[in-house]
């Protein structure tokens, strides 16, 4: 009896194609044809980090404006958007992101310069 069940499972598994690809694929700004191109990957990283940094800068600007209104005692702001610790954490995130981006760019520039020297 065990053999009969295992053989029917083997038969059904060979007749049914199982797709092992994940349902979720991470979003990419890049078209499939260029997603493995290093230059395109770098451009996408610059774009994504700069967009994120701008969002954080806008949040921090609004927080600073709210703080100014509170200190001046005018307007409707009763509390800031961020706590002091949250504002510091966001500033640290932007700093780390931009330093990482700078380091990636520096490596790319060094690589281009090395290739130019070898080609000359």
Protein backbone atom coordinates (compact mmCIF):
# COMPACT_ATOMS: atom_id res chain seq x y z
CA UNK A 1 0.00 0.00 0.00
CA UNK A 2 2.85 2.45 0.80
CA UNK A 3 4.34 1.79 -2.60
CA UNK A 4 1.04 2.52 -4.31
CA UNK A 5 0.75 5.95 -2.59
CA UNK A 6 4.33 6.90 -3.24
CA UNK A 7 4.07 5.95 -6.90
CA UNK A 8 0.89 8.02 -7.31
CA UNK A 9 2.65 10.98 -5.68
CA UNK A 10 5.59 10.57 -8.02
CA UNK A 11 3.26 10.45 -11.01
CA UNK A 12 1.31 13.51 -9.93
CA UNK A 13 4.46 15.50 -9.18
CA UNK A 14 5.86 14.83 -12.64
CA UNK A 15 2.63 15.86 -14.34
CA UNK A 16 2.27 19.08 -12.31
CA UNK A 17 4.86 21.78 -12.90
CA UNK A 18 5.80 23.57 -9.69
CA UNK A 19 7.01 27.15 -9.98
CA UNK A 20 9.58 27.84 -7.26
CA UNK A 21 9.90 31.53 -8.11
CA UNK A 22 8.85 33.83 -5.28
CA UNK A 23 5.62 35.79 -5.61
CA UNK A 24 7.31 39.00 -4.50
CA UNK A 25 10.01 40.66 -6.57
CA UNK A 26 11.72 43.70 -5.13
CA UNK A 27 10.93 46.95 -6.93
CA UNK A 28 13.62 48.19 -9.25
CA UNK A 29 13.86 51.44 -11.16
CA UNK A 30 15.81 49.58 -13.82
CA UNK A 31 14.47 47.71 -16.81
CA UNK A 32 15.18 43.99 -16.75
CA UNK A 33 17.74 44.35 -19.57
CA UNK A 34 19.98 46.68 -17.53
CA UNK A 35 19.38 45.54 -13.96
CA UNK A 36 22.80 43.82 -13.87
CA UNK A 37 24.68 46.77 -15.41
CA UNK A 38 26.95 48.33 -12.77
CA UNK A 39 26.56 51.86 -14.12
CA UNK A 40 22.78 51.56 -14.14
CA UNK A 41 22.79 50.09 -10.61
CA UNK A 42 24.90 52.98 -9.36
CA UNK A 43 22.62 55.55 -11.02
CA UNK A 44 19.59 53.87 -9.41
CA UNK A 45 21.29 53.90 -5.99
CA UNK A 46 22.13 57.60 -6.31
CA UNK A 47 18.54 58.33 -7.29
CA UNK A 48 17.03 56.32 -4.42
CA UNK A 49 19.36 57.68 -1.72
CA UNK A 50 18.93 61.27 -2.88
CA UNK A 51 15.12 60.92 -2.93
CA UNK A 52 15.19 59.49 0.59
CA UNK A 53 17.51 62.22 1.82
CA UNK A 54 15.19 64.86 0.38
CA UNK A 55 12.18 63.34 2.12
CA UNK A 56 14.04 63.33 5.44
CA UNK A 57 15.23 66.92 4.87
CA UNK A 58 11.64 68.04 4.25
CA UNK A 59 10.42 66.29 7.42
CA UNK A 60 13.21 67.90 9.43
CA UNK A 61 12.50 71.32 7.91
CA UNK A 62 8.83 71.05 8.90
CA UNK A 63 9.89 69.99 12.38
CA UNK A 64 12.18 73.04 12.66
CA UNK A 65 9.38 75.34 11.46
CA UNK A 66 7.01 73.87 14.06
CA UNK A 67 9.64 74.39 16.75
CA UNK A 68 10.09 78.02 15.66
CA UNK A 69 6.34 78.61 15.88
CA UNK A 70 6.21 77.08 19.36
CA UNK A 71 9.15 79.15 20.60
CA UNK A 72 7.66 82.35 19.13
CA UNK A 73 4.31 81.55 20.72
CA UNK A 74 2.42 82.23 17.53
CA UNK A 75 0.45 80.01 15.22
CA UNK A 76 -1.31 76.73 15.80
CA UNK A 77 1.64 74.41 16.40
CA UNK A 78 1.44 72.92 19.88
CA UNK A 79 4.14 70.30 19.48
CA UNK A 80 6.82 69.40 17.01
CA UNK A 81 6.46 66.66 14.46
CA UNK A 82 9.51 64.84 15.85
CA UNK A 83 11.04 64.40 19.24
CA UNK A 84 14.61 65.60 19.68
CA UNK A 85 15.81 61.97 19.58
CA UNK A 86 13.83 61.20 16.42
CA UNK A 87 15.20 64.29 14.68
CA UNK A 88 18.73 63.25 15.65
CA UNK A 89 18.10 59.71 14.37
CA UNK A 90 16.88 61.03 11.02
CA UNK A 91 19.89 63.34 10.76
CA UNK A 92 22.14 60.34 11.44
CA UNK A 93 20.34 58.30 8.78
CA UNK A 94 20.83 61.02 6.18
CA UNK A 95 24.48 61.43 7.18
CA UNK A 96 25.14 57.70 6.92
CA UNK A 97 23.29 57.43 3.60
CA UNK A 98 25.17 60.33 2.05
CA UNK A 99 28.53 59.13 3.35
CA UNK A 100 27.83 55.67 1.91
CA UNK A 101 26.85 57.22 -1.41
CA UNK A 102 30.00 59.33 -1.39
CA UNK A 103 32.13 56.24 -0.73
CA UNK A 104 30.46 54.32 -3.56
CA UNK A 105 31.03 57.24 -5.92
CA UNK A 106 34.65 57.54 -4.82
CA UNK A 107 35.24 53.85 -5.63
CA UNK A 108 33.64 54.34 -9.05
CA UNK A 109 35.81 57.40 -9.78
CA UNK A 110 38.93 55.49 -8.70
CA UNK A 111 37.94 52.60 -10.95
CA UNK A 112 37.41 54.91 -13.93
CA UNK A 113 40.76 56.60 -13.29
CA UNK A 114 42.54 53.23 -13.01
CA UNK A 115 41.01 52.12 -16.31
CA UNK A 116 42.08 55.39 -17.96
CA UNK A 117 45.67 54.97 -16.75
CA UNK A 118 45.79 51.35 -17.99
CA UNK A 119 44.31 52.39 -21.34
CA UNK A 120 46.81 55.23 -21.86
